[in-house]
Each structure stands twice: as structure tokens, then as C-alpha cells.
Amino acid sequence: MNEKQLYIIRHGETDFNRKGIVQGRGMDTALNATGREQAAAFYAAYRHIPFDQVYTSALVRTAQTVQSFIEAGLPVQKMAGLDEFNWGLFEGRAFGEFHQDYNRLVHSWKQGEYATSPPQGESPLEVAARQKPVIQLLENNPAKTLLVCMHGRAMRLLLCLLLGRPYAEMDQFEHSNLSLYQLSYSAGQWTLLKANDTAHLSLL
């Protein structure tokens, strides 16, 4: 069986990222100047990879991050299953305003309480339910080299699903804006090749 290559990146920086404001699924923010520079740096470093298909979330910051690949002719598909967690009432607020509530929430997830959600937001179980069809599509796509652009917390959960890790371990998958995770898929199994790689940003 031929091996499939999957490149998963987090979107570039937004003003909300810089200010420490929670975005989530309900905040359709755009890249700032730094985010656009990060996107250009990733394109310069990876334009030689023979990607067959690019997938983004339904939020504009992911489409903007891979816009150069799209302009170069790569087919793109937006998938709401790749959207960020819905952080509910936390969205649009500075992290410092509710960090204790956030820490309790993350602690509950580490204890296996995956049905727990932020107020009026999504739980890991709910996000996983919309990510699983995406994984089936990735695995069944006959293309060999795929690029996915998505969001930090959602990416952590997706990596748990791909690698068969419990959701309680999702915080082990660190990330920053425009960081890369690379995986291979062969004989029905995903293998992690690169984690939180930012070498392409070294000249910024």
C-alpha cells in the first residue's frame, strides 16, 4: 500500500492571538500583518511539496493562511468539521478574565470528563463527532499528499483521534501560529513525523 502524507498547520497570527483574546468557532477573525508574513514563509518553504489537495476550516483565517497554495492551483475544500472549538461565553474575552474557569475546564478534560464544555460551548465529544467524518475523508482520499489548515485546540483533538491517543492527552500536542504537524498513513495507521515544527519561520 502506498503511503499517504498529511501536513497539518495552525493558521497564522491574528490580532486576537496577539492580544490574548479567545477566538474560537464563533469569531471569524482575519490574519494580521504578522500572520500574512507567516503564511508567506510557510509557502516559500513548502511550495515544492506536491500537495494534491488542501482542506481548511470554514473560518477565514485558515483560508487566508493557505491562499498562496490555492492561487497556485491547488483544489481546496472548506470543512466545518475542522473549525475551532466553540468556546461559548469565553469567546471575544481576554484569557486573563477567566483563566481560572479555563484551567478548571482543561483539568476536567484531563480527568476524562469529555462531555464537559465551556458555558454555551462545545465539549471534546461534540468536536470529535464532527472531526471523525473529516478523518474518514482524509483516509479514503486517493490523493497521496494532503495539506490541512485548522486551529490550535481543534488540532490537538484531531491529533489524538489520528494517533489513537486519549483526549486527556491533547495538551501534549503543543502549537503556535503557523506551526506544522506532519504524519504518514500506511496500512490503516497514522505515524507522527514532525511535531510543532516552526523551522520555516526562522527568518521572520
N, C-alpha and C. Protein backbone atom coordinates (compact mmCIF):
# COMPACT_ATOMS: atom_id res chain seq x y z
N MET A 1 0.84 -1.19 0.00
CA MET A 1 0.00 0.00 0.00
C MET A 1 0.88 1.25 0.00
N ASN A 2 0.57 2.20 -0.85
CA ASN A 2 1.34 3.43 -0.89
C ASN A 2 1.06 4.29 0.34
N GLU A 3 2.10 4.96 0.77
CA GLU A 3 1.99 5.79 1.96
C GLU A 3 1.38 7.14 1.63
N LYS A 4 0.54 7.64 2.53
CA LYS A 4 -0.06 8.97 2.40
C LYS A 4 0.65 9.93 3.34
N GLN A 5 0.85 11.17 2.90
CA GLN A 5 1.47 12.19 3.73
C GLN A 5 0.43 13.26 4.07
N LEU A 6 0.37 13.62 5.35
CA LEU A 6 -0.57 14.62 5.81
C LEU A 6 0.19 15.72 6.55
N TYR A 7 0.00 16.95 6.09
CA TYR A 7 0.60 18.12 6.71
C TYR A 7 -0.53 18.93 7.35
N ILE A 8 -0.46 19.12 8.67
CA ILE A 8 -1.49 19.87 9.39
C ILE A 8 -0.84 21.13 9.96
N ILE A 9 -1.38 22.29 9.61
CA ILE A 9 -0.84 23.53 10.13
C ILE A 9 -1.92 24.31 10.88
N ARG A 10 -1.47 25.05 11.87
CA ARG A 10 -2.35 26.01 12.52
C ARG A 10 -2.30 27.31 11.71
N HIS A 11 -3.38 28.04 11.70
CA HIS A 11 -3.44 29.29 10.96
C HIS A 11 -2.41 30.30 11.48
N GLY A 12 -2.14 31.32 10.67
CA GLY A 12 -1.24 32.38 11.09
C GLY A 12 -1.85 33.29 12.14
N GLU A 13 -1.04 34.20 12.63
CA GLU A 13 -1.45 35.07 13.73
C GLU A 13 -2.56 36.04 13.34
N THR A 14 -3.46 36.27 14.28
CA THR A 14 -4.49 37.31 14.17
C THR A 14 -4.25 38.33 15.28
N ASP A 15 -4.92 39.47 15.19
CA ASP A 15 -4.80 40.45 16.27
C ASP A 15 -5.29 39.89 17.59
N PHE A 16 -6.31 39.03 17.54
CA PHE A 16 -6.80 38.42 18.78
C PHE A 16 -5.74 37.51 19.40
N ASN A 17 -5.03 36.74 18.56
CA ASN A 17 -3.92 35.93 19.08
C ASN A 17 -2.91 36.81 19.80
N ARG A 18 -2.55 37.90 19.17
CA ARG A 18 -1.53 38.79 19.73
C ARG A 18 -1.98 39.39 21.06
N LYS A 19 -3.26 39.70 21.16
CA LYS A 19 -3.80 40.35 22.36
C LYS A 19 -4.24 39.36 23.44
N GLY A 20 -4.16 38.05 23.15
CA GLY A 20 -4.58 37.06 24.13
C GLY A 20 -6.07 36.98 24.31
N ILE A 21 -6.81 37.24 23.22
CA ILE A 21 -8.27 37.17 23.25
C ILE A 21 -8.71 35.85 22.62
N VAL A 22 -9.65 35.19 23.25
CA VAL A 22 -10.12 33.89 22.77
C VAL A 22 -10.97 34.09 21.51
N GLN A 23 -10.66 33.32 20.48
CA GLN A 23 -11.40 33.41 19.23
C GLN A 23 -12.46 32.32 19.16
N GLY A 24 -12.03 31.09 18.95
CA GLY A 24 -12.99 30.00 18.87
C GLY A 24 -13.75 29.99 17.56
N ARG A 25 -14.74 29.11 17.53
CA ARG A 25 -15.51 28.89 16.30
C ARG A 25 -16.38 30.08 15.92
N GLY A 26 -16.77 30.87 16.92
CA GLY A 26 -17.70 31.95 16.65
C GLY A 26 -17.05 33.27 16.30
N MET A 27 -15.72 33.33 16.26
CA MET A 27 -15.01 34.57 15.96
C MET A 27 -14.28 34.40 14.63
N ASP A 28 -14.83 34.97 13.57
CA ASP A 28 -14.26 34.78 12.23
C ASP A 28 -13.26 35.89 11.92
N THR A 29 -12.14 35.86 12.62
CA THR A 29 -11.13 36.90 12.53
C THR A 29 -10.17 36.64 11.37
N ALA A 30 -9.54 37.72 10.90
CA ALA A 30 -8.60 37.65 9.78
C ALA A 30 -7.16 37.68 10.28
N LEU A 31 -6.24 37.26 9.43
CA LEU A 31 -4.82 37.35 9.75
C LEU A 31 -4.39 38.80 9.86
N ASN A 32 -3.44 39.06 10.75
CA ASN A 32 -2.82 40.38 10.79
C ASN A 32 -1.55 40.36 9.93
N ALA A 33 -0.77 41.43 9.96
CA ALA A 33 0.41 41.52 9.11
C ALA A 33 1.41 40.40 9.42
N THR A 34 1.58 40.10 10.69
CA THR A 34 2.48 39.01 11.07
C THR A 34 1.97 37.67 10.55
N GLY A 35 0.67 37.45 10.67
CA GLY A 35 0.08 36.22 10.16
C GLY A 35 0.28 36.05 8.66
N ARG A 36 0.16 37.16 7.94
CA ARG A 36 0.38 37.09 6.49
C ARG A 36 1.84 36.79 6.17
N GLU A 37 2.75 37.34 6.97
CA GLU A 37 4.17 37.03 6.77
C GLU A 37 4.46 35.55 7.08
N GLN A 38 3.82 35.04 8.13
CA GLN A 38 3.99 33.62 8.46
C GLN A 38 3.47 32.73 7.33
N ALA A 39 2.32 33.09 6.78
CA ALA A 39 1.76 32.31 5.67
C ALA A 39 2.69 32.33 4.47
N ALA A 40 3.27 33.49 4.17
CA ALA A 40 4.20 33.60 3.04
C ALA A 40 5.45 32.77 3.29
N ALA A 41 5.93 32.75 4.54
CA ALA A 41 7.12 31.96 4.86
C ALA A 41 6.84 30.47 4.73
N PHE A 42 5.66 30.03 5.17
CA PHE A 42 5.34 28.61 5.02
C PHE A 42 5.24 28.24 3.54
N TYR A 43 4.62 29.10 2.76
CA TYR A 43 4.50 28.81 1.33
C TYR A 43 5.88 28.73 0.68
N ALA A 44 6.76 29.64 1.03
CA ALA A 44 8.11 29.62 0.45
C ALA A 44 8.85 28.33 0.81
N ALA A 45 8.63 27.83 2.01
CA ALA A 45 9.34 26.63 2.46
C ALA A 45 8.74 25.34 1.94
N TYR A 46 7.43 25.34 1.65
CA TYR A 46 6.74 24.09 1.31
C TYR A 46 6.08 24.10 -0.07
N ARG A 47 6.32 25.12 -0.86
CA ARG A 47 5.71 25.17 -2.18
C ARG A 47 6.19 24.03 -3.08
N HIS A 48 7.35 23.46 -2.75
CA HIS A 48 7.89 22.37 -3.56
C HIS A 48 7.22 21.03 -3.27
N ILE A 49 6.48 20.93 -2.18
CA ILE A 49 5.81 19.68 -1.85
C ILE A 49 4.65 19.47 -2.82
N PRO A 50 4.54 18.28 -3.39
CA PRO A 50 3.49 18.04 -4.39
C PRO A 50 2.11 17.77 -3.76
N PHE A 51 1.57 18.79 -3.09
CA PHE A 51 0.26 18.63 -2.48
C PHE A 51 -0.79 18.36 -3.55
N ASP A 52 -1.70 17.46 -3.25
CA ASP A 52 -2.81 17.14 -4.16
C ASP A 52 -4.08 17.89 -3.81
N GLN A 53 -4.23 18.22 -2.52
CA GLN A 53 -5.49 18.79 -2.05
C GLN A 53 -5.21 19.58 -0.78
N VAL A 54 -5.94 20.67 -0.59
CA VAL A 54 -5.86 21.43 0.66
C VAL A 54 -7.25 21.50 1.28
N TYR A 55 -7.29 21.30 2.59
CA TYR A 55 -8.53 21.41 3.35
C TYR A 55 -8.38 22.53 4.37
N THR A 56 -9.42 23.33 4.54
CA THR A 56 -9.42 24.36 5.56
C THR A 56 -10.70 24.24 6.38
N SER A 57 -10.72 24.94 7.50
CA SER A 57 -11.97 25.08 8.23
C SER A 57 -12.86 26.06 7.47
N ALA A 58 -14.02 26.33 8.01
CA ALA A 58 -14.93 27.28 7.38
C ALA A 58 -14.63 28.73 7.78
N LEU A 59 -13.58 28.95 8.55
CA LEU A 59 -13.25 30.27 9.07
C LEU A 59 -12.16 30.92 8.22
N VAL A 60 -12.26 32.22 8.04
CA VAL A 60 -11.45 32.92 7.05
C VAL A 60 -9.96 32.86 7.35
N ARG A 61 -9.57 32.81 8.61
CA ARG A 61 -8.15 32.83 8.92
C ARG A 61 -7.41 31.61 8.40
N THR A 62 -8.09 30.48 8.25
CA THR A 62 -7.41 29.31 7.69
C THR A 62 -7.29 29.44 6.17
N ALA A 63 -8.32 29.92 5.51
CA ALA A 63 -8.25 30.10 4.06
C ALA A 63 -7.17 31.11 3.70
N GLN A 64 -7.06 32.18 4.47
CA GLN A 64 -6.03 33.18 4.21
C GLN A 64 -4.63 32.59 4.37
N THR A 65 -4.47 31.69 5.31
CA THR A 65 -3.16 31.11 5.58
C THR A 65 -2.63 30.30 4.38
N VAL A 66 -3.52 29.64 3.66
CA VAL A 66 -3.10 28.80 2.53
C VAL A 66 -3.47 29.42 1.19
N GLN A 67 -3.75 30.71 1.18
CA GLN A 67 -4.21 31.36 -0.04
C GLN A 67 -3.21 31.23 -1.19
N SER A 68 -1.92 31.28 -0.90
CA SER A 68 -0.91 31.16 -1.96
C SER A 68 -0.96 29.80 -2.63
N PHE A 69 -1.22 28.75 -1.87
CA PHE A 69 -1.36 27.41 -2.45
C PHE A 69 -2.59 27.36 -3.35
N ILE A 70 -3.67 27.99 -2.91
CA ILE A 70 -4.90 27.99 -3.70
C ILE A 70 -4.69 28.77 -5.00
N GLU A 71 -4.02 29.91 -4.89
CA GLU A 71 -3.75 30.72 -6.08
C GLU A 71 -2.83 29.99 -7.05
N ALA A 72 -2.00 29.07 -6.53
CA ALA A 72 -1.13 28.28 -7.39
C ALA A 72 -1.86 27.13 -8.07
N GLY A 73 -3.15 26.97 -7.76
CA GLY A 73 -3.96 25.97 -8.46
C GLY A 73 -4.37 24.77 -7.66
N LEU A 74 -4.02 24.71 -6.37
CA LEU A 74 -4.42 23.56 -5.57
C LEU A 74 -5.92 23.57 -5.31
N PRO A 75 -6.59 22.45 -5.48
CA PRO A 75 -8.01 22.39 -5.12
C PRO A 75 -8.18 22.52 -3.62
N VAL A 76 -9.21 23.25 -3.21
CA VAL A 76 -9.44 23.50 -1.79
C VAL A 76 -10.86 23.10 -1.42
N GLN A 77 -11.01 22.56 -0.22
CA GLN A 77 -12.33 22.23 0.29
C GLN A 77 -12.45 22.75 1.72
N LYS A 78 -13.47 23.56 1.98
CA LYS A 78 -13.74 24.04 3.32
C LYS A 78 -14.60 23.02 4.06
N MET A 79 -14.22 22.72 5.30
CA MET A 79 -14.94 21.73 6.08
C MET A 79 -15.17 22.27 7.49
N ALA A 80 -16.44 22.41 7.84
CA ALA A 80 -16.78 22.91 9.18
C ALA A 80 -16.29 21.97 10.28
N GLY A 81 -16.06 20.71 9.93
CA GLY A 81 -15.53 19.77 10.91
C GLY A 81 -14.15 20.15 11.41
N LEU A 82 -13.44 21.00 10.65
CA LEU A 82 -12.11 21.45 11.05
C LEU A 82 -12.14 22.74 11.85
N ASP A 83 -13.33 23.29 12.09
CA ASP A 83 -13.44 24.54 12.84
C ASP A 83 -12.87 24.39 14.25
N GLU A 84 -12.50 25.53 14.81
CA GLU A 84 -12.03 25.55 16.19
C GLU A 84 -13.16 25.15 17.15
N PHE A 85 -12.79 24.75 18.36
CA PHE A 85 -13.77 24.56 19.43
C PHE A 85 -14.66 25.80 19.51
N ASN A 86 -15.91 25.59 19.81
CA ASN A 86 -16.78 26.69 20.19
C ASN A 86 -16.56 26.94 21.68
N TRP A 87 -15.93 28.07 22.00
CA TRP A 87 -15.63 28.37 23.40
C TRP A 87 -16.78 29.10 24.09
N GLY A 88 -17.91 29.23 23.43
CA GLY A 88 -19.10 29.79 24.07
C GLY A 88 -18.88 31.18 24.63
N LEU A 89 -19.21 31.36 25.90
CA LEU A 89 -19.14 32.68 26.53
C LEU A 89 -17.71 33.15 26.76
N PHE A 90 -16.71 32.28 26.54
CA PHE A 90 -15.32 32.71 26.65
C PHE A 90 -14.87 33.51 25.43
N GLU A 91 -15.53 33.35 24.31
CA GLU A 91 -15.07 33.95 23.06
C GLU A 91 -15.18 35.47 23.10
N GLY A 92 -14.17 36.12 22.53
CA GLY A 92 -14.13 37.57 22.48
C GLY A 92 -13.65 38.21 23.78
N ARG A 93 -13.23 37.39 24.73
CA ARG A 93 -12.76 37.90 26.02
C ARG A 93 -11.28 37.60 26.18
N ALA A 94 -10.58 38.47 26.88
CA ALA A 94 -9.17 38.24 27.17
C ALA A 94 -9.04 37.03 28.09
N PHE A 95 -8.04 36.21 27.82
CA PHE A 95 -7.85 34.99 28.59
C PHE A 95 -7.74 35.27 30.08
N GLY A 96 -7.10 36.38 30.43
CA GLY A 96 -6.91 36.70 31.83
C GLY A 96 -8.20 36.91 32.60
N GLU A 97 -9.30 37.16 31.89
CA GLU A 97 -10.58 37.40 32.55
C GLU A 97 -11.20 36.13 33.13
N PHE A 98 -10.80 34.99 32.60
CA PHE A 98 -11.47 33.75 33.03
C PHE A 98 -10.48 32.59 33.12
N HIS A 99 -9.21 32.88 33.33
CA HIS A 99 -8.21 31.80 33.28
C HIS A 99 -8.47 30.71 34.31
N GLN A 100 -9.06 31.06 35.47
CA GLN A 100 -9.35 30.03 36.47
C GLN A 100 -10.43 29.08 35.96
N ASP A 101 -11.46 29.65 35.34
CA ASP A 101 -12.51 28.81 34.76
C ASP A 101 -11.94 27.92 33.66
N TYR A 102 -11.07 28.50 32.84
CA TYR A 102 -10.45 27.73 31.76
C TYR A 102 -9.60 26.60 32.34
N ASN A 103 -8.81 26.90 33.34
CA ASN A 103 -7.94 25.87 33.93
C ASN A 103 -8.77 24.73 34.52
N ARG A 104 -9.90 25.07 35.15
CA ARG A 104 -10.78 24.01 35.68
C ARG A 104 -11.35 23.17 34.56
N LEU A 105 -11.69 23.81 33.45
CA LEU A 105 -12.23 23.08 32.31
C LEU A 105 -11.20 22.11 31.74
N VAL A 106 -10.00 22.59 31.52
CA VAL A 106 -8.95 21.73 30.98
C VAL A 106 -8.63 20.60 31.95
N HIS A 107 -8.63 20.90 33.24
CA HIS A 107 -8.38 19.85 34.25
C HIS A 107 -9.45 18.77 34.16
N SER A 108 -10.70 19.17 33.96
CA SER A 108 -11.77 18.17 33.86
C SER A 108 -11.55 17.27 32.65
N TRP A 109 -11.05 17.83 31.55
CA TRP A 109 -10.76 17.02 30.38
C TRP A 109 -9.63 16.04 30.66
N LYS A 110 -8.63 16.50 31.40
CA LYS A 110 -7.51 15.62 31.74
C LYS A 110 -7.96 14.48 32.65
N GLN A 111 -9.08 14.70 33.35
CA GLN A 111 -9.64 13.65 34.21
C GLN A 111 -10.61 12.75 33.45
N GLY A 112 -10.74 12.96 32.16
CA GLY A 112 -11.60 12.11 31.35
C GLY A 112 -13.03 12.56 31.25
N GLU A 113 -13.32 13.78 31.68
CA GLU A 113 -14.70 14.29 31.65
C GLU A 113 -14.93 14.99 30.30
N TYR A 114 -15.02 14.19 29.25
CA TYR A 114 -15.01 14.73 27.90
C TYR A 114 -16.35 15.34 27.46
N ALA A 115 -17.38 15.17 28.26
CA ALA A 115 -18.67 15.79 27.95
C ALA A 115 -18.77 17.20 28.53
N THR A 116 -17.76 17.61 29.27
CA THR A 116 -17.76 18.93 29.88
C THR A 116 -17.42 19.98 28.83
N SER A 117 -18.14 21.09 28.87
CA SER A 117 -17.93 22.15 27.88
C SER A 117 -17.88 23.51 28.57
N PRO A 118 -17.28 24.51 27.92
CA PRO A 118 -17.39 25.87 28.44
C PRO A 118 -18.84 26.33 28.35
N PRO A 119 -19.22 27.36 29.07
CA PRO A 119 -20.62 27.82 29.04
C PRO A 119 -21.07 28.14 27.62
N GLN A 120 -22.13 27.45 27.16
CA GLN A 120 -22.70 27.61 25.83
C GLN A 120 -21.72 27.25 24.72
N GLY A 121 -20.72 26.41 25.04
CA GLY A 121 -19.73 26.00 24.05
C GLY A 121 -19.80 24.52 23.75
N GLU A 122 -18.72 24.01 23.15
CA GLU A 122 -18.65 22.60 22.74
C GLU A 122 -17.74 21.80 23.66
N SER A 123 -18.09 20.55 23.84
CA SER A 123 -17.25 19.62 24.59
C SER A 123 -16.33 18.88 23.62
N PRO A 124 -15.26 18.24 24.13
CA PRO A 124 -14.43 17.41 23.26
C PRO A 124 -15.22 16.33 22.52
N LEU A 125 -16.22 15.75 23.16
CA LEU A 125 -17.03 14.72 22.48
C LEU A 125 -17.77 15.31 21.29
N GLU A 126 -18.28 16.52 21.44
CA GLU A 126 -19.01 17.15 20.34
C GLU A 126 -18.08 17.53 19.19
N VAL A 127 -16.89 18.03 19.52
CA VAL A 127 -15.93 18.38 18.47
C VAL A 127 -15.42 17.12 17.77
N ALA A 128 -15.15 16.08 18.53
CA ALA A 128 -14.70 14.82 17.93
C ALA A 128 -15.74 14.26 16.98
N ALA A 129 -17.01 14.43 17.31
CA ALA A 129 -18.08 13.91 16.45
C ALA A 129 -18.06 14.57 15.08
N ARG A 130 -17.69 15.85 15.01
CA ARG A 130 -17.62 16.49 13.69
C ARG A 130 -16.27 16.31 13.01
N GLN A 131 -15.26 15.89 13.79
CA GLN A 131 -13.96 15.64 13.19
C GLN A 131 -13.85 14.24 12.58
N LYS A 132 -14.57 13.28 13.12
CA LYS A 132 -14.43 11.90 12.64
C LYS A 132 -14.77 11.75 11.16
N PRO A 133 -15.81 12.40 10.61
CA PRO A 133 -16.03 12.32 9.16
C PRO A 133 -14.89 12.94 8.36
N VAL A 134 -14.23 13.95 8.90
CA VAL A 134 -13.08 14.53 8.23
C VAL A 134 -11.95 13.50 8.13
N ILE A 135 -11.73 12.78 9.22
CA ILE A 135 -10.68 11.76 9.22
C ILE A 135 -11.00 10.67 8.19
N GLN A 136 -12.24 10.26 8.11
CA GLN A 136 -12.62 9.26 7.11
C GLN A 136 -12.33 9.77 5.70
N LEU A 137 -12.62 11.05 5.47
CA LEU A 137 -12.35 11.63 4.16
C LEU A 137 -10.85 11.64 3.87
N LEU A 138 -10.05 12.03 4.85
CA LEU A 138 -8.61 12.06 4.66
C LEU A 138 -8.06 10.67 4.36
N GLU A 139 -8.55 9.68 5.08
CA GLU A 139 -8.04 8.32 4.90
C GLU A 139 -8.50 7.71 3.58
N ASN A 140 -9.69 8.08 3.14
CA ASN A 140 -10.24 7.48 1.91
C ASN A 140 -9.88 8.25 0.65
N ASN A 141 -9.37 9.46 0.81
CA ASN A 141 -8.97 10.25 -0.35
C ASN A 141 -7.83 9.53 -1.06
N PRO A 142 -7.94 9.27 -2.37
CA PRO A 142 -6.86 8.57 -3.07
C PRO A 142 -5.60 9.42 -3.23
N ALA A 143 -5.70 10.72 -3.01
CA ALA A 143 -4.53 11.58 -3.10
C ALA A 143 -3.51 11.18 -2.05
N LYS A 144 -2.25 11.41 -2.37
CA LYS A 144 -1.16 10.94 -1.51
C LYS A 144 -0.58 12.01 -0.60
N THR A 145 -0.80 13.29 -0.92
CA THR A 145 -0.18 14.35 -0.13
C THR A 145 -1.21 15.44 0.12
N LEU A 146 -1.58 15.60 1.38
CA LEU A 146 -2.69 16.47 1.75
C LEU A 146 -2.22 17.55 2.72
N LEU A 147 -2.78 18.75 2.56
CA LEU A 147 -2.48 19.87 3.44
C LEU A 147 -3.77 20.30 4.14
N VAL A 148 -3.72 20.38 5.46
CA VAL A 148 -4.87 20.78 6.27
C VAL A 148 -4.49 22.02 7.07
N CYS A 149 -5.33 23.04 7.04
CA CYS A 149 -5.12 24.23 7.86
C CYS A 149 -6.30 24.38 8.81
N MET A 150 -6.00 24.46 10.11
CA MET A 150 -7.07 24.48 11.10
C MET A 150 -6.65 25.31 12.31
N HIS A 151 -7.09 24.93 13.50
CA HIS A 151 -6.98 25.76 14.69
C HIS A 151 -6.36 24.98 15.84
N GLY A 152 -5.79 25.72 16.80
CA GLY A 152 -4.97 25.10 17.83
C GLY A 152 -5.63 24.02 18.66
N ARG A 153 -6.69 24.34 19.39
CA ARG A 153 -7.31 23.34 20.26
C ARG A 153 -7.94 22.22 19.44
N ALA A 154 -8.57 22.57 18.33
CA ALA A 154 -9.17 21.54 17.48
C ALA A 154 -8.09 20.62 16.90
N MET A 155 -6.93 21.18 16.60
CA MET A 155 -5.82 20.37 16.08
C MET A 155 -5.33 19.38 17.13
N ARG A 156 -5.28 19.82 18.38
CA ARG A 156 -4.87 18.92 19.44
C ARG A 156 -5.80 17.70 19.52
N LEU A 157 -7.08 17.94 19.42
CA LEU A 157 -8.03 16.84 19.48
C LEU A 157 -7.94 15.96 18.25
N LEU A 158 -7.78 16.57 17.08
CA LEU A 158 -7.66 15.79 15.86
C LEU A 158 -6.44 14.87 15.92
N LEU A 159 -5.34 15.36 16.45
CA LEU A 159 -4.14 14.53 16.55
C LEU A 159 -4.37 13.35 17.50
N CYS A 160 -5.11 13.56 18.57
CA CYS A 160 -5.46 12.44 19.45
C CYS A 160 -6.25 11.38 18.68
N LEU A 161 -7.21 11.82 17.88
CA LEU A 161 -8.02 10.89 17.11
C LEU A 161 -7.17 10.14 16.08
N LEU A 162 -6.31 10.85 15.39
CA LEU A 162 -5.49 10.22 14.35
C LEU A 162 -4.53 9.20 14.95
N LEU A 163 -3.94 9.54 16.09
CA LEU A 163 -2.88 8.72 16.66
C LEU A 163 -3.37 7.75 17.73
N GLY A 164 -4.69 7.71 17.94
CA GLY A 164 -5.24 6.77 18.90
C GLY A 164 -4.90 7.09 20.34
N ARG A 165 -4.74 8.37 20.64
CA ARG A 165 -4.40 8.80 21.99
C ARG A 165 -5.67 9.25 22.71
N PRO A 166 -5.76 9.07 24.02
CA PRO A 166 -6.94 9.55 24.74
C PRO A 166 -7.02 11.07 24.70
N TYR A 167 -8.23 11.59 24.69
CA TYR A 167 -8.42 13.05 24.63
C TYR A 167 -7.74 13.74 25.80
N ALA A 168 -7.59 13.04 26.91
CA ALA A 168 -6.95 13.63 28.09
C ALA A 168 -5.52 14.07 27.81
N GLU A 169 -4.91 13.54 26.74
CA GLU A 169 -3.52 13.87 26.41
C GLU A 169 -3.40 14.98 25.38
N MET A 170 -4.50 15.63 25.02
CA MET A 170 -4.43 16.58 23.91
C MET A 170 -3.50 17.76 24.18
N ASP A 171 -3.32 18.15 25.44
CA ASP A 171 -2.44 19.28 25.73
C ASP A 171 -0.97 18.94 25.49
N GLN A 172 -0.65 17.68 25.29
CA GLN A 172 0.73 17.31 24.97
C GLN A 172 1.12 17.75 23.56
N PHE A 173 0.13 18.04 22.72
CA PHE A 173 0.41 18.49 21.36
C PHE A 173 0.50 20.02 21.35
N GLU A 174 1.69 20.52 21.61
CA GLU A 174 1.89 21.96 21.67
C GLU A 174 1.78 22.57 20.27
N HIS A 175 1.51 23.85 20.23
CA HIS A 175 1.37 24.51 18.93
C HIS A 175 1.59 26.00 19.09
N SER A 176 1.90 26.64 17.98
CA SER A 176 1.97 28.09 17.90
C SER A 176 1.44 28.46 16.53
N ASN A 177 1.27 29.74 16.28
CA ASN A 177 0.74 30.15 14.98
C ASN A 177 1.65 29.70 13.86
N LEU A 178 1.08 29.07 12.87
CA LEU A 178 1.74 28.52 11.68
C LEU A 178 2.76 27.43 12.02
N SER A 179 2.50 26.69 13.08
CA SER A 179 3.32 25.50 13.36
C SER A 179 2.77 24.31 12.56
N LEU A 180 3.63 23.34 12.34
CA LEU A 180 3.33 22.19 11.48
C LEU A 180 3.42 20.88 12.23
N TYR A 181 2.43 20.02 11.99
CA TYR A 181 2.50 18.61 12.35
C TYR A 181 2.44 17.81 11.05
N GLN A 182 3.37 16.89 10.89
CA GLN A 182 3.38 16.04 9.70
C GLN A 182 3.20 14.59 10.11
N LEU A 183 2.31 13.89 9.40
CA LEU A 183 2.04 12.49 9.68
C LEU A 183 2.06 11.69 8.39
N SER A 184 2.32 10.41 8.52
CA SER A 184 2.19 9.49 7.39
C SER A 184 1.09 8.48 7.71
N TYR A 185 0.50 7.92 6.67
CA TYR A 185 -0.59 6.95 6.83
C TYR A 185 -0.29 5.75 5.95
N SER A 186 -0.21 4.59 6.57
CA SER A 186 0.08 3.37 5.84
C SER A 186 -0.53 2.20 6.59
N ALA A 187 -1.12 1.26 5.85
CA ALA A 187 -1.71 0.06 6.43
C ALA A 187 -2.69 0.39 7.55
N GLY A 188 -3.47 1.47 7.34
CA GLY A 188 -4.51 1.81 8.30
C GLY A 188 -4.02 2.47 9.57
N GLN A 189 -2.79 2.97 9.58
CA GLN A 189 -2.26 3.55 10.81
C GLN A 189 -1.53 4.86 10.51
N TRP A 190 -1.75 5.85 11.39
CA TRP A 190 -1.07 7.13 11.29
C TRP A 190 0.18 7.13 12.16
N THR A 191 1.25 7.74 11.63
CA THR A 191 2.52 7.86 12.36
C THR A 191 2.94 9.32 12.37
N LEU A 192 3.34 9.82 13.52
CA LEU A 192 3.76 11.21 13.65
C LEU A 192 5.21 11.36 13.22
N LEU A 193 5.46 12.30 12.29
CA LEU A 193 6.80 12.54 11.76
C LEU A 193 7.40 13.85 12.27
N LYS A 194 6.59 14.89 12.32
CA LYS A 194 7.04 16.19 12.83
C LYS A 194 6.00 16.73 13.79
N ALA A 195 6.45 17.39 14.85
CA ALA A 195 5.53 17.93 15.85
C ALA A 195 5.86 19.39 16.14
N ASN A 196 4.88 20.26 16.00
CA ASN A 196 5.02 21.68 16.32
C ASN A 196 6.26 22.28 15.66
N ASP A 197 6.48 21.94 14.42
CA ASP A 197 7.67 22.41 13.71
C ASP A 197 7.46 23.83 13.19
N THR A 198 8.41 24.71 13.48
CA THR A 198 8.34 26.10 13.04
C THR A 198 9.63 26.54 12.34
N ALA A 199 10.40 25.59 11.83
CA ALA A 199 11.67 25.94 11.19
C ALA A 199 11.46 26.90 10.03
N HIS A 200 10.31 26.81 9.37
CA HIS A 200 10.03 27.67 8.22
C HIS A 200 9.84 29.13 8.62
N LEU A 201 9.71 29.40 9.91
CA LEU A 201 9.52 30.77 10.39
C LEU A 201 10.82 31.38 10.91
N SER A 202 11.93 30.67 10.75
CA SER A 202 13.18 31.08 11.40
C SER A 202 13.72 32.40 10.88
N LEU A 203 13.36 32.80 9.65
CA LEU A 203 13.89 34.04 9.09
C LEU A 203 13.01 35.25 9.35
N LEU A 204 11.88 35.04 9.99
CA LEU A 204 10.97 36.17 10.27
C LEU A 204 11.47 36.99 11.46
